Protein backbone atom coordinates (compact mmCIF):
# COMPACT_ATOMS: atom_id res chain seq x y z
CA MET A 1 0.77 0.08 10.53
CA GLU A 2 -1.91 0.22 13.20
CA ILE A 3 -2.51 3.91 12.42
CA LEU A 4 -3.11 3.07 8.75
CA LYS A 5 -5.58 0.34 9.68
CA THR A 6 -7.50 2.86 11.77
CA LEU A 7 -7.35 5.76 9.28
CA ILE A 8 -8.02 3.69 6.14
CA PRO A 9 -10.23 0.78 7.28
CA GLU A 10 -11.06 -0.07 3.64
CA PHE A 11 -7.59 -1.59 3.32
CA TYR A 12 -7.13 -5.00 4.93
CA ASP A 13 -4.42 -7.66 5.08
CA LEU A 14 -1.89 -4.82 5.04
CA GLU A 15 1.66 -5.97 5.58
CA TRP A 16 5.17 -4.64 5.09
CA ARG A 17 6.99 -6.63 2.44
CA ASN A 18 10.12 -4.49 2.79
CA LYS A 19 10.17 -1.78 5.47
CA VAL A 20 12.90 0.80 4.87
CA THR A 21 11.85 3.31 7.57
CA ASP A 22 8.68 3.85 9.63
CA MET A 23 7.33 5.97 6.78
CA LYS A 24 8.83 4.30 3.70
CA GLY A 25 8.60 0.84 2.28
CA TYR A 26 7.02 -1.76 0.05
CA MET A 27 3.57 -2.83 1.26
CA TYR A 28 0.97 -5.36 0.21
CA GLY A 29 -2.73 -5.24 0.91
CA LYS A 30 -6.29 -5.67 -0.29
CA ASN A 31 -9.21 -3.27 -0.16
CA SER A 32 -12.94 -3.46 0.47
CA MET A 33 -13.95 -0.37 -1.48
CA PRO A 34 -17.16 -0.55 -3.55
CA TRP A 35 -17.17 -2.07 -7.02
CA PRO A 36 -15.26 -1.71 -9.35
CA LEU A 37 -12.37 -1.35 -6.89
CA ALA A 38 -13.46 -4.08 -4.48
CA HIS A 39 -11.06 -6.78 -3.33
CA ARG A 40 -8.06 -5.90 -5.44
CA ASP A 41 -4.51 -6.99 -4.64
CA ILE A 42 -2.17 -4.02 -4.26
CA ASN A 43 1.65 -4.06 -4.15
CA PHE A 44 2.78 -0.51 -3.58
CA HIS A 45 5.60 1.79 -2.56
CA TYR A 46 4.52 3.94 0.36
CA THR A 47 6.41 6.98 1.61
CA GLY A 48 5.42 9.87 3.82
CA VAL A 49 6.29 12.60 6.27
CA LEU A 50 5.16 12.79 9.90
CA ASP A 51 4.31 16.14 11.48
CA TYR A 52 4.51 15.43 15.21
CA LYS A 53 3.67 19.01 16.24
CA ASN A 54 0.34 19.07 14.38
CA ARG A 55 -0.30 15.33 14.77
CA ALA A 56 -0.60 14.74 11.04
CA PHE A 57 1.08 12.97 8.16
CA VAL A 58 1.15 13.15 4.40
CA CYS A 59 1.94 10.15 2.23
CA LEU A 60 2.26 9.10 -1.38
CA SER A 61 1.73 5.60 -2.73
CA LYS A 62 2.49 4.15 -6.16
CA SER A 63 2.06 0.66 -7.57
CA LEU A 64 4.96 -1.75 -7.79
CA TYR A 65 4.67 -4.33 -10.58
CA SER A 66 5.60 -8.01 -10.80
CA GLY A 67 9.35 -8.29 -11.22
CA ASP A 68 10.06 -4.75 -9.97
CA LYS A 69 12.94 -4.42 -7.51
CA TYR A 70 12.56 -2.35 -4.35
CA HIS A 71 15.66 -2.01 -2.15
CA GLY A 72 16.76 -5.54 -3.11
CA CYS A 73 13.29 -7.08 -2.75
CA THR A 74 11.56 -8.46 -5.87
CA VAL A 75 7.80 -8.00 -6.29
CA PRO A 76 6.27 -11.47 -6.80
CA GLU A 77 4.08 -12.52 -9.71
CA HIS A 78 0.39 -11.76 -9.19
CA ASP A 79 -1.57 -14.78 -7.90
CA ASP A 80 -5.12 -14.71 -9.22
CA SER A 81 -6.08 -18.12 -7.82
CA GLU A 82 -8.59 -16.42 -5.49
CA GLY A 83 -10.16 -14.50 -8.37
CA LEU A 84 -8.67 -11.21 -7.20
CA VAL A 85 -7.41 -8.65 -9.69
CA GLU A 86 -4.45 -6.30 -9.18
CA MET A 87 -5.24 -2.61 -8.79
CA GLU A 88 -2.84 -0.06 -10.28
CA ILE A 89 -2.14 3.08 -8.26
CA ILE A 90 -0.56 5.80 -10.39
CA ASN A 91 -0.29 8.36 -7.56
CA GLY A 92 -2.23 7.95 -4.32
CA TYR A 93 -2.06 10.95 -1.99
CA HIS A 94 -3.30 10.85 1.60
CA PHE A 95 -3.41 13.63 4.17
CA PHE A 96 -4.28 12.81 7.79
């Protein structure tokens, strides 16, 4: 988690909602990217592979939607009381 906060500082309030392994799980966060992406709620499935020899990792993220089940955990309904809008990630690829 700390590595992600350092490598992708635009994402904040990142938290594991359901951690399956160190590189796979259901996460929640917000982002501070420029408009029109700014301050969106994101519930997403995150999975990746660590390459210890080359000190790198590759990961894929996809949105999870309200009511979806992820390893027995249910994604909650979106709360827009703070005026935030959900962001949909079809396929997010990251290489570090």
